[in-house]
PDB file of N, CA and C in Angstrom:
ATOM      1  N   MET A   1       8.088 -34.230 -14.024  1.00  0.00           N
ATOM      2  CA  MET A   1       7.201 -33.538 -13.196  1.00  0.00           C
ATOM      3  C   MET A   1       5.797 -34.188 -13.261  1.00  0.00           C
ATOM      4  N   VAL A   2       5.100 -34.360 -12.164  1.00  0.00           N
ATOM      5  CA  VAL A   2       3.818 -34.959 -12.082  1.00  0.00           C
ATOM      6  C   VAL A   2       2.785 -33.890 -11.640  1.00  0.00           C
ATOM      7  N   GLN A   3       2.000 -33.448 -12.570  1.00  0.00           N
ATOM      8  CA  GLN A   3       0.950 -32.508 -12.314  1.00  0.00           C
ATOM      9  C   GLN A   3       1.366 -31.456 -11.228  1.00  0.00           C
ATOM     10  N   GLY A   4       2.318 -30.699 -11.492  1.00  0.00           N
ATOM     11  CA  GLY A   4       2.744 -29.634 -10.657  1.00  0.00           C
ATOM     12  C   GLY A   4       3.650 -30.000  -9.498  1.00  0.00           C
ATOM     13  N   LEU A   5       4.054 -31.259  -9.431  1.00  0.00           N
ATOM     14  CA  LEU A   5       5.044 -31.713  -8.374  1.00  0.00           C
ATOM     15  C   LEU A   5       6.312 -32.155  -9.020  1.00  0.00           C
ATOM     16  N   SER A   6       7.353 -31.570  -8.569  1.00  0.00           N
ATOM     17  CA  SER A   6       8.710 -31.929  -9.076  1.00  0.00           C
ATOM     18  C   SER A   6       9.323 -33.030  -8.222  1.00  0.00           C
ATOM     19  N   TYR A   7      10.303 -33.772  -8.812  1.00  0.00           N
ATOM     20  CA  TYR A   7      11.004 -34.788  -8.085  1.00  0.00           C
ATOM     21  C   TYR A   7      10.096 -35.828  -7.425  1.00  0.00           C
ATOM     22  N   PRO A   8       9.140 -36.386  -8.174  1.00  0.00           N
ATOM     23  CA  PRO A   8       8.190 -37.254  -7.531  1.00  0.00           C
ATOM     24  C   PRO A   8       8.811 -38.592  -7.066  1.00  0.00           C
ATOM     25  N   MET A   9       8.351 -39.150  -6.003  1.00  0.00           N
ATOM     26  CA  MET A   9       8.768 -40.469  -5.505  1.00  0.00           C
ATOM     27  C   MET A   9       7.541 -41.229  -5.172  1.00  0.00           C
ATOM     28  N   ALA A  10       7.330 -42.384  -5.626  1.00  0.00           N
ATOM     29  CA  ALA A  10       6.143 -43.200  -5.416  1.00  0.00           C
ATOM     30  C   ALA A  10       6.449 -44.521  -4.663  1.00  0.00           C
ATOM     31  N   PHE A  11       5.458 -44.965  -3.967  1.00  0.00           N
ATOM     32  CA  PHE A  11       5.549 -46.209  -3.242  1.00  0.00           C
ATOM     33  C   PHE A  11       4.175 -46.876  -3.269  1.00  0.00           C
ATOM     34  N   GLU A  12       4.153 -48.141  -3.623  1.00  0.00           N
ATOM     35  CA  GLU A  12       2.883 -48.849  -3.692  1.00  0.00           C
ATOM     36  C   GLU A  12       2.760 -49.831  -2.462  1.00  0.00           C
ATOM     37  N   HIS A  13       1.539 -49.822  -1.925  1.00  0.00           N
ATOM     38  CA  HIS A  13       1.287 -50.670  -0.722  1.00  0.00           C
ATOM     39  C   HIS A  13      -0.172 -51.059  -0.733  1.00  0.00           C
ATOM     40  N   ASN A  14      -0.387 -52.363  -0.691  1.00  0.00           N
ATOM     41  CA  ASN A  14      -1.779 -52.917  -0.745  1.00  0.00           C
ATOM     42  C   ASN A  14      -2.695 -52.287  -1.823  1.00  0.00           C
ATOM     43  N   GLY A  15      -2.210 -52.109  -2.979  1.00  0.00           N
ATOM     44  CA  GLY A  15      -2.975 -51.577  -4.120  1.00  0.00           C
ATOM     45  C   GLY A  15      -3.070 -50.053  -4.168  1.00  0.00           C
ATOM     46  N   LEU A  16      -2.537 -49.363  -3.188  1.00  0.00           N
ATOM     47  CA  LEU A  16      -2.543 -47.850  -3.304  1.00  0.00           C
ATOM     48  C   LEU A  16      -1.134 -47.366  -3.621  1.00  0.00           C
ATOM     49  N   VAL A  17      -1.117 -46.339  -4.454  1.00  0.00           N
ATOM     50  CA  VAL A  17       0.134 -45.686  -4.779  1.00  0.00           C
ATOM     51  C   VAL A  17       0.219 -44.333  -3.970  1.00  0.00           C
ATOM     52  N   TYR A  18       1.262 -44.196  -3.299  1.00  0.00           N
ATOM     53  CA  TYR A  18       1.532 -42.981  -2.534  1.00  0.00           C
ATOM     54  C   TYR A  18       2.605 -42.239  -3.269  1.00  0.00           C
ATOM     55  N   LEU A  19       2.393 -40.918  -3.553  1.00  0.00           N
ATOM     56  CA  LEU A  19       3.309 -40.152  -4.282  1.00  0.00           C
ATOM     57  C   LEU A  19       3.677 -38.896  -3.507  1.00  0.00           C
ATOM     58  N   ILE A  20       4.907 -38.649  -3.293  1.00  0.00           N
ATOM     59  CA  ILE A  20       5.357 -37.400  -2.681  1.00  0.00           C
ATOM     60  C   ILE A  20       6.160 -36.608  -3.693  1.00  0.00           C
ATOM     61  N   GLY A  21       5.949 -35.324  -3.720  1.00  0.00           N
ATOM     62  CA  GLY A  21       6.651 -34.493  -4.623  1.00  0.00           C
ATOM     63  C   GLY A  21       6.819 -33.049  -4.118  1.00  0.00           C
ATOM     64  N   TYR A  22       7.686 -32.326  -4.755  1.00  0.00           N
ATOM     65  CA  TYR A  22       8.143 -30.952  -4.258  1.00  0.00           C
ATOM     66  C   TYR A  22       7.428 -29.850  -5.148  1.00  0.00           C
ATOM     67  N   ARG A  23       7.035 -28.782  -4.403  1.00  0.00           N
ATOM     68  CA  ARG A  23       6.525 -27.620  -5.128  1.00  0.00           C
ATOM     69  C   ARG A  23       6.624 -26.410  -4.144  1.00  0.00           C
ATOM     70  N   GLY A  24       7.204 -25.402  -4.608  1.00  0.00           N
ATOM     71  CA  GLY A  24       7.284 -24.106  -3.890  1.00  0.00           C
ATOM     72  C   GLY A  24       7.890 -24.162  -2.521  1.00  0.00           C
ATOM     73  N   GLY A  25       8.882 -24.922  -2.284  1.00  0.00           N
ATOM     74  CA  GLY A  25       9.575 -24.991  -1.006  1.00  0.00           C
ATOM     75  C   GLY A  25       8.940 -25.954  -0.004  1.00  0.00           C
ATOM     76  N   ALA A  26       8.063 -26.836  -0.491  1.00  0.00           N
ATOM     77  CA  ALA A  26       7.420 -27.756   0.408  1.00  0.00           C
ATOM     78  C   ALA A  26       7.269 -29.165  -0.323  1.00  0.00           C
ATOM     79  N   GLN A  27       7.040 -30.222   0.485  1.00  0.00           N
ATOM     80  CA  GLN A  27       6.788 -31.538  -0.016  1.00  0.00           C
ATOM     81  C   GLN A  27       5.294 -31.882   0.204  1.00  0.00           C
ATOM     82  N   TYR A  28       4.625 -32.493  -0.818  1.00  0.00           N
ATOM     83  CA  TYR A  28       3.177 -32.826  -0.721  1.00  0.00           C
ATOM     84  C   TYR A  28       3.010 -34.251  -1.036  1.00  0.00           C
ATOM     85  N   ILE A  29       1.928 -34.896  -0.514  1.00  0.00           N
ATOM     86  CA  ILE A  29       1.660 -36.270  -0.774  1.00  0.00           C
ATOM     87  C   ILE A  29       0.296 -36.458  -1.415  1.00  0.00           C
ATOM     88  N   ARG A  30       0.185 -37.421  -2.301  1.00  0.00           N
ATOM     89  CA  ARG A  30      -1.089 -37.807  -2.991  1.00  0.00           C
ATOM     90  C   ARG A  30      -1.245 -39.348  -2.901  1.00  0.00           C
ATOM     91  N   ARG A  31      -2.489 -39.783  -3.019  1.00  0.00           N
ATOM     92  CA  ARG A  31      -2.716 -41.285  -2.942  1.00  0.00           C
ATOM     93  C   ARG A  31      -3.643 -41.594  -4.178  1.00  0.00           C
ATOM     94  N   SER A  32      -3.370 -42.779  -4.758  1.00  0.00           N
ATOM     95  CA  SER A  32      -4.143 -43.243  -5.887  1.00  0.00           C
ATOM     96  C   SER A  32      -4.472 -44.672  -5.825  1.00  0.00           C
ATOM     97  N   ALA A  33      -5.608 -45.138  -6.181  1.00  0.00           N
ATOM     98  CA  ALA A  33      -5.982 -46.554  -6.239  1.00  0.00           C
ATOM     99  C   ALA A  33      -5.901 -47.089  -7.656  1.00  0.00           C
ATOM    100  N   ASP A  34      -5.607 -46.261  -8.697  1.00  0.00           N
ATOM    101  CA  ASP A  34      -5.557 -46.676 -10.073  1.00  0.00           C
ATOM    102  C   ASP A  34      -4.236 -46.343 -10.761  1.00  0.00           C
ATOM    103  N   GLY A  35      -3.218 -46.378  -9.958  1.00  0.00           N
ATOM    104  CA  GLY A  35      -1.826 -46.168 -10.602  1.00  0.00           C
ATOM    105  C   GLY A  35      -1.524 -44.701 -10.946  1.00  0.00           C
ATOM    106  N   GLY A  36      -2.265 -43.781 -10.365  1.00  0.00           N
ATOM    107  CA  GLY A  36      -2.085 -42.371 -10.621  1.00  0.00           C
ATOM    108  C   GLY A  36      -2.900 -41.729 -11.691  1.00  0.00           C
ATOM    109  N   GLU A  37      -3.838 -42.454 -12.177  1.00  0.00           N
ATOM    110  CA  GLU A  37      -4.775 -41.915 -13.163  1.00  0.00           C
ATOM    111  C   GLU A  37      -5.666 -40.826 -12.477  1.00  0.00           C
ATOM    112  N   THR A  38      -6.107 -41.169 -11.294  1.00  0.00           N
ATOM    113  CA  THR A  38      -6.925 -40.209 -10.449  1.00  0.00           C
ATOM    114  C   THR A  38      -6.374 -40.236  -9.064  1.00  0.00           C
ATOM    115  N   TRP A  39      -6.639 -39.225  -8.284  1.00  0.00           N
ATOM    116  CA  TRP A  39      -6.107 -39.144  -6.922  1.00  0.00           C
ATOM    117  C   TRP A  39      -7.303 -39.232  -5.953  1.00  0.00           C
ATOM    118  N   LEU A  40      -6.964 -39.987  -4.899  1.00  0.00           N
ATOM    119  CA  LEU A  40      -8.048 -40.165  -3.846  1.00  0.00           C
ATOM    120  C   LEU A  40      -8.117 -38.924  -3.025  1.00  0.00           C
ATOM    121  N   SER A  41      -9.303 -38.631  -2.507  1.00  0.00           N
ATOM    122  CA  SER A  41      -9.526 -37.464  -1.656  1.00  0.00           C
ATOM    123  C   SER A  41      -9.218 -37.848  -0.236  1.00  0.00           C
ATOM    124  N   PHE A  42      -8.672 -36.809   0.505  1.00  0.00           N
ATOM    125  CA  PHE A  42      -8.555 -36.929   1.933  1.00  0.00           C
ATOM    126  C   PHE A  42      -9.854 -36.496   2.566  1.00  0.00           C
ATOM    127  N   ARG A  43      -9.989 -36.593   3.901  1.00  0.00           N
ATOM    128  CA  ARG A  43     -11.224 -36.313   4.561  1.00  0.00           C
ATOM    129  C   ARG A  43     -11.789 -34.962   4.248  1.00  0.00           C
ATOM    130  N   ASP A  44     -10.913 -34.004   4.059  1.00  0.00           N
ATOM    131  CA  ASP A  44     -11.395 -32.575   3.753  1.00  0.00           C
ATOM    132  C   ASP A  44     -11.667 -32.369   2.268  1.00  0.00           C
ATOM    133  N   GLY A  45     -11.523 -33.424   1.423  1.00  0.00           N
ATOM    134  CA  GLY A  45     -11.852 -33.310   0.035  1.00  0.00           C
ATOM    135  C   GLY A  45     -10.644 -32.962  -0.821  1.00  0.00           C
ATOM    136  N   ALA A  46      -9.481 -32.549  -0.237  1.00  0.00           N
ATOM    137  CA  ALA A  46      -8.269 -32.285  -0.952  1.00  0.00           C
ATOM    138  C   ALA A  46      -7.636 -33.578  -1.496  1.00  0.00           C
ATOM    139  N   THR A  47      -6.934 -33.429  -2.637  1.00  0.00           N
ATOM    140  CA  THR A  47      -6.285 -34.588  -3.222  1.00  0.00           C
ATOM    141  C   THR A  47      -4.788 -34.677  -2.923  1.00  0.00           C
ATOM    142  N   GLU A  48      -4.304 -33.624  -2.172  1.00  0.00           N
ATOM    143  CA  GLU A  48      -2.931 -33.650  -1.709  1.00  0.00           C
ATOM    144  C   GLU A  48      -2.849 -33.036  -0.363  1.00  0.00           C
ATOM    145  N   LYS A  49      -1.842 -33.466   0.389  1.00  0.00           N
ATOM    146  CA  LYS A  49      -1.612 -32.924   1.746  1.00  0.00           C
ATOM    147  C   LYS A  49      -0.167 -32.456   1.858  1.00  0.00           C
ATOM    148  N   LEU A  50       0.089 -31.389   2.616  1.00  0.00           N
ATOM    149  CA  LEU A  50       1.381 -30.853   2.935  1.00  0.00           C
ATOM    150  C   LEU A  50       2.023 -31.832   3.872  1.00  0.00           C
ATOM    151  N   VAL A  51       3.242 -32.291   3.562  1.00  0.00           N
ATOM    152  CA  VAL A  51       4.036 -33.166   4.452  1.00  0.00           C
ATOM    153  C   VAL A  51       5.011 -32.284   5.245  1.00  0.00           C
ATOM    154  N   ALA A  52       5.776 -31.444   4.502  1.00  0.00           N
ATOM    155  CA  ALA A  52       6.826 -30.695   5.179  1.00  0.00           C
ATOM    156  C   ALA A  52       7.090 -29.410   4.477  1.00  0.00           C
ATOM    157  N   SER A  53       7.285 -28.342   5.231  1.00  0.00           N
ATOM    158  CA  SER A  53       7.767 -27.056   4.798  1.00  0.00           C
ATOM    159  C   SER A  53       8.526 -26.379   5.899  1.00  0.00           C
ATOM    160  N   PRO A  54       9.737 -25.825   5.662  1.00  0.00           N
ATOM    161  CA  PRO A  54      10.390 -25.804   4.334  1.00  0.00           C
ATOM    162  C   PRO A  54      11.038 -27.148   4.043  1.00  0.00           C
ATOM    163  N   SER A  55      11.383 -27.266   2.787  1.00  0.00           N
ATOM    164  CA  SER A  55      12.071 -28.456   2.235  1.00  0.00           C
ATOM    165  C   SER A  55      12.981 -28.051   1.156  1.00  0.00           C
ATOM    166  N   ASP A  56      14.114 -28.773   1.010  1.00  0.00           N
ATOM    167  CA  ASP A  56      14.984 -28.479  -0.160  1.00  0.00           C
ATOM    168  C   ASP A  56      14.280 -29.069  -1.370  1.00  0.00           C
ATOM    169  N   ALA A  57      14.609 -28.607  -2.570  1.00  0.00           N
ATOM    170  CA  ALA A  57      14.096 -29.116  -3.784  1.00  0.00           C
ATOM    171  C   ALA A  57      14.820 -30.362  -4.281  1.00  0.00           C
ATOM    172  N   ASP A  58      14.698 -31.383  -3.400  1.00  0.00           N
ATOM    173  CA  ASP A  58      15.257 -32.715  -3.688  1.00  0.00           C
ATOM    174  C   ASP A  58      14.250 -33.744  -3.487  1.00  0.00           C
ATOM    175  N   ARG A  59      14.607 -34.984  -3.876  1.00  0.00           N
ATOM    176  CA  ARG A  59      13.698 -36.068  -3.657  1.00  0.00           C
ATOM    177  C   ARG A  59      13.589 -36.370  -2.158  1.00  0.00           C
ATOM    178  N   VAL A  60      12.429 -36.823  -1.757  1.00  0.00           N
ATOM    179  CA  VAL A  60      12.234 -37.384  -0.376  1.00  0.00           C
ATOM    180  C   VAL A  60      12.342 -38.890  -0.439  1.00  0.00           C
ATOM    181  N   ALA A  61      12.369 -39.498   0.669  1.00  0.00           N
ATOM    182  CA  ALA A  61      12.478 -40.971   0.717  1.00  0.00           C
ATOM    183  C   ALA A  61      11.477 -41.474   1.623  1.00  0.00           C
ATOM    184  N   PHE A  62      10.623 -42.486   1.117  1.00  0.00           N
ATOM    185  CA  PHE A  62       9.796 -43.230   2.036  1.00  0.00           C
ATOM    186  C   PHE A  62      10.697 -44.131   2.856  1.00  0.00           C
ATOM    187  N   VAL A  63      10.742 -43.941   4.120  1.00  0.00           N
ATOM    188  CA  VAL A  63      11.530 -44.724   4.996  1.00  0.00           C
ATOM    189  C   VAL A  63      10.862 -46.000   5.380  1.00  0.00           C
ATOM    190  N   LYS A  64       9.588 -45.899   5.692  1.00  0.00           N
ATOM    191  CA  LYS A  64       8.871 -47.099   6.134  1.00  0.00           C
ATOM    192  C   LYS A  64       7.347 -46.880   6.021  1.00  0.00           C
ATOM    193  N   MET A  65       6.624 -47.939   5.753  1.00  0.00           N
ATOM    194  CA  MET A  65       5.188 -47.918   5.784  1.00  0.00           C
ATOM    195  C   MET A  65       4.786 -49.085   6.595  1.00  0.00           C
ATOM    196  N   ASP A  66       4.200 -48.872   7.813  1.00  0.00           N
ATOM    197  CA  ASP A  66       3.827 -50.026   8.658  1.00  0.00           C
ATOM    198  C   ASP A  66       2.681 -50.802   7.999  1.00  0.00           C
ATOM    199  N   THR A  67       1.488 -50.252   7.959  1.00  0.00           N
ATOM    200  CA  THR A  67       0.361 -50.818   7.216  1.00  0.00           C
ATOM    201  C   THR A  67      -0.506 -49.704   6.750  1.00  0.00           C
ATOM    202  N   GLN A  68      -1.319 -49.985   5.741  1.00  0.00           N
ATOM    203  CA  GLN A  68      -2.213 -48.986   5.215  1.00  0.00           C
ATOM    204  C   GLN A  68      -3.186 -48.535   6.361  1.00  0.00           C
ATOM    205  N   GLY A  69      -3.404 -47.270   6.421  1.00  0.00           N
ATOM    206  CA  GLY A  69      -4.209 -46.731   7.494  1.00  0.00           C
ATOM    207  C   GLY A  69      -3.463 -46.463   8.761  1.00  0.00           C
ATOM    208  N   CYS A  70      -2.222 -46.808   8.792  1.00  0.00           N
ATOM    209  CA  CYS A  70      -1.340 -46.567   9.977  1.00  0.00           C
ATOM    210  C   CYS A  70      -0.215 -45.586   9.628  1.00  0.00           C
ATOM    211  N   ARG A  71       0.951 -45.938  10.146  1.00  0.00           N
ATOM    212  CA  ARG A  71       2.094 -44.966  10.024  1.00  0.00           C
ATOM    213  C   ARG A  71       2.711 -44.961   8.733  1.00  0.00           C
ATOM    214  N   LEU A  72       2.962 -43.742   8.193  1.00  0.00           N
ATOM    215  CA  LEU A  72       3.818 -43.467   7.042  1.00  0.00           C
ATOM    216  C   LEU A  72       4.994 -42.672   7.604  1.00  0.00           C
ATOM    217  N   VAL A  73       6.186 -43.067   7.121  1.00  0.00           N
ATOM    218  CA  VAL A  73       7.414 -42.381   7.623  1.00  0.00           C
ATOM    219  C   VAL A  73       8.211 -41.917   6.358  1.00  0.00           C
ATOM    220  N   VAL A  74       8.531 -40.648   6.329  1.00  0.00           N
ATOM    221  CA  VAL A  74       9.312 -40.162   5.233  1.00  0.00           C
ATOM    222  C   VAL A  74      10.479 -39.336   5.704  1.00  0.00           C
ATOM    223  N   GLY A  75      11.568 -39.416   4.898  1.00  0.00           N
ATOM    224  CA  GLY A  75      12.742 -38.493   5.129  1.00  0.00           C
ATOM    225  C   GLY A  75      12.718 -37.362   4.158  1.00  0.00           C
ATOM    226  N   VAL A  76      12.855 -36.093   4.672  1.00  0.00           N
ATOM    227  CA  VAL A  76      12.702 -34.885   3.860  1.00  0.00           C
ATOM    228  C   VAL A  76      14.019 -34.138   3.969  1.00  0.00           C
ATOM    229  N   PRO A  77      14.603 -33.867   2.799  1.00  0.00           N
ATOM    230  CA  PRO A  77      15.907 -33.058   2.852  1.00  0.00           C
ATOM    231  C   PRO A  77      15.627 -31.623   3.303  1.00  0.00           C
ATOM    232  N   ASN A  78      16.363 -31.153   4.237  1.00  0.00           N
ATOM    233  CA  ASN A  78      16.292 -29.777   4.740  1.00  0.00           C
ATOM    234  C   ASN A  78      17.711 -29.379   5.242  1.00  0.00           C
ATOM    235  N   TYR A  79      18.555 -29.015   4.258  1.00  0.00           N
ATOM    236  CA  TYR A  79      19.948 -28.832   4.527  1.00  0.00           C
ATOM    237  C   TYR A  79      20.250 -28.025   5.812  1.00  0.00           C
ATOM    238  N   PRO A  80      21.097 -28.453   6.640  1.00  0.00           N
ATOM    239  CA  PRO A  80      22.047 -29.606   6.510  1.00  0.00           C
ATOM    240  C   PRO A  80      21.507 -30.916   7.064  1.00  0.00           C
ATOM    241  N   ASN A  81      20.197 -31.004   7.375  1.00  0.00           N
ATOM    242  CA  ASN A  81      19.617 -32.173   7.975  1.00  0.00           C
ATOM    243  C   ASN A  81      18.728 -32.984   7.081  1.00  0.00           C
ATOM    244  N   ILE A  82      18.347 -34.114   7.485  1.00  0.00           N
ATOM    245  CA  ILE A  82      17.234 -34.846   7.003  1.00  0.00           C
ATOM    246  C   ILE A  82      16.196 -34.909   8.091  1.00  0.00           C
ATOM    247  N   ASP A  83      14.997 -34.392   7.760  1.00  0.00           N
ATOM    248  CA  ASP A  83      13.923 -34.349   8.757  1.00  0.00           C
ATOM    249  C   ASP A  83      13.028 -35.554   8.536  1.00  0.00           C
ATOM    250  N   ILE A  84      12.678 -36.203   9.566  1.00  0.00           N
ATOM    251  CA  ILE A  84      11.881 -37.369   9.608  1.00  0.00           C
ATOM    252  C   ILE A  84      10.421 -36.957   9.988  1.00  0.00           C
ATOM    253  N   TYR A  85       9.482 -37.218   9.088  1.00  0.00           N
ATOM    254  CA  TYR A  85       8.070 -36.883   9.361  1.00  0.00           C
ATOM    255  C   TYR A  85       7.256 -38.153   9.459  1.00  0.00           C
ATOM    256  N   ILE A  86       6.310 -38.167  10.318  1.00  0.00           N
ATOM    257  CA  ILE A  86       5.428 -39.326  10.545  1.00  0.00           C
ATOM    258  C   ILE A  86       3.974 -38.907  10.445  1.00  0.00           C
ATOM    259  N   SER A  87       3.276 -39.749   9.749  1.00  0.00           N
ATOM    260  CA  SER A  87       1.819 -39.655   9.682  1.00  0.00           C
ATOM    261  C   SER A  87       1.153 -40.926  10.270  1.00  0.00           C
ATOM    262  N   ALA A  88       0.320 -40.747  11.238  1.00  0.00           N
ATOM    263  CA  ALA A  88      -0.363 -41.928  11.857  1.00  0.00           C
ATOM    264  C   ALA A  88      -1.680 -42.166  11.331  1.00  0.00           C
ATOM    265  N   ASP A  89      -2.074 -41.392  10.327  1.00  0.00           N
ATOM    266  CA  ASP A  89      -3.493 -41.440   9.800  1.00  0.00           C
ATOM    267  C   ASP A  89      -3.483 -41.505   8.225  1.00  0.00           C
ATOM    268  N   ASP A  90      -2.603 -42.257   7.657  1.00  0.00           N
ATOM    269  CA  ASP A  90      -2.562 -42.551   6.277  1.00  0.00           C
ATOM    270  C   ASP A  90      -2.322 -41.225   5.456  1.00  0.00           C
ATOM    271  N   GLY A  91      -1.550 -40.272   5.967  1.00  0.00           N
ATOM    272  CA  GLY A  91      -1.205 -39.075   5.212  1.00  0.00           C
ATOM    273  C   GLY A  91      -2.040 -37.841   5.471  1.00  0.00           C
ATOM    274  N   GLU A  92      -3.040 -37.998   6.296  1.00  0.00           N
ATOM    275  CA  GLU A  92      -3.990 -36.875   6.599  1.00  0.00           C
ATOM    276  C   GLU A  92      -3.235 -35.735   7.298  1.00  0.00           C
ATOM    277  N   THR A  93      -2.417 -36.065   8.295  1.00  0.00           N
ATOM    278  CA  THR A  93      -1.626 -35.143   9.048  1.00  0.00           C
ATOM    279  C   THR A  93      -0.233 -35.617   9.251  1.00  0.00           C
ATOM    280  N   TRP A  94       0.709 -34.666   9.407  1.00  0.00           N
ATOM    281  CA  TRP A  94       2.181 -35.042   9.472  1.00  0.00           C
ATOM    282  C   TRP A  94       2.796 -34.336  10.709  1.00  0.00           C
ATOM    283  N   GLU A  95       3.666 -34.968  11.415  1.00  0.00           N
ATOM    284  CA  GLU A  95       4.432 -34.346  12.471  1.00  0.00           C
ATOM    285  C   GLU A  95       5.911 -34.624  12.324  1.00  0.00           C
ATOM    286  N   LEU A  96       6.708 -33.682  12.644  1.00  0.00           N
ATOM    287  CA  LEU A  96       8.167 -33.797  12.598  1.00  0.00           C
ATOM    288  C   LEU A  96       8.597 -34.686  13.795  1.00  0.00           C
ATOM    289  N   GLU A  97       9.182 -35.813  13.525  1.00  0.00           N
ATOM    290  CA  GLU A  97       9.606 -36.781  14.464  1.00  0.00           C
ATOM    291  C   GLU A  97      11.071 -36.524  14.927  1.00  0.00           C
ATOM    292  N   ALA A  98      11.951 -36.230  13.956  1.00  0.00           N
ATOM    293  CA  ALA A  98      13.371 -36.038  14.299  1.00  0.00           C
ATOM    294  C   ALA A  98      14.048 -35.266  13.176  1.00  0.00           C
ATOM    295  N   SER A  99      15.102 -34.611  13.516  1.00  0.00           N
ATOM    296  CA  SER A  99      15.948 -33.950  12.482  1.00  0.00           C
ATOM    297  C   SER A  99      17.355 -34.469  12.671  1.00  0.00           C
ATOM    298  N   LEU A 100      17.842 -35.170  11.702  1.00  0.00           N
ATOM    299  CA  LEU A 100      19.161 -35.877  11.841  1.00  0.00           C
ATOM    300  C   LEU A 100      20.167 -35.193  10.996  1.00  0.00           C
TER     301      LEU A 100
END
């Protein structure tokens, strides 16, 4: 468990670490420039953002990252489907793209 997030999954891109984890029926994302020692703030000052709710208590998967500052794509387990969420603003906001 990483500071209150279960089942963490991390991805490094251009020196930033993106971490997604589960808490209380939802998936949240954090960003770090120092390997997770500290968390970067989003525009509103928060250090984590809600990606998806509801969500199963399972690991999510980073499907793709186009480039930093652009699209993040994640797969979120939501039985019996996998929901695909997209962020076009480096994790600030998330939209459900598809449910497969």
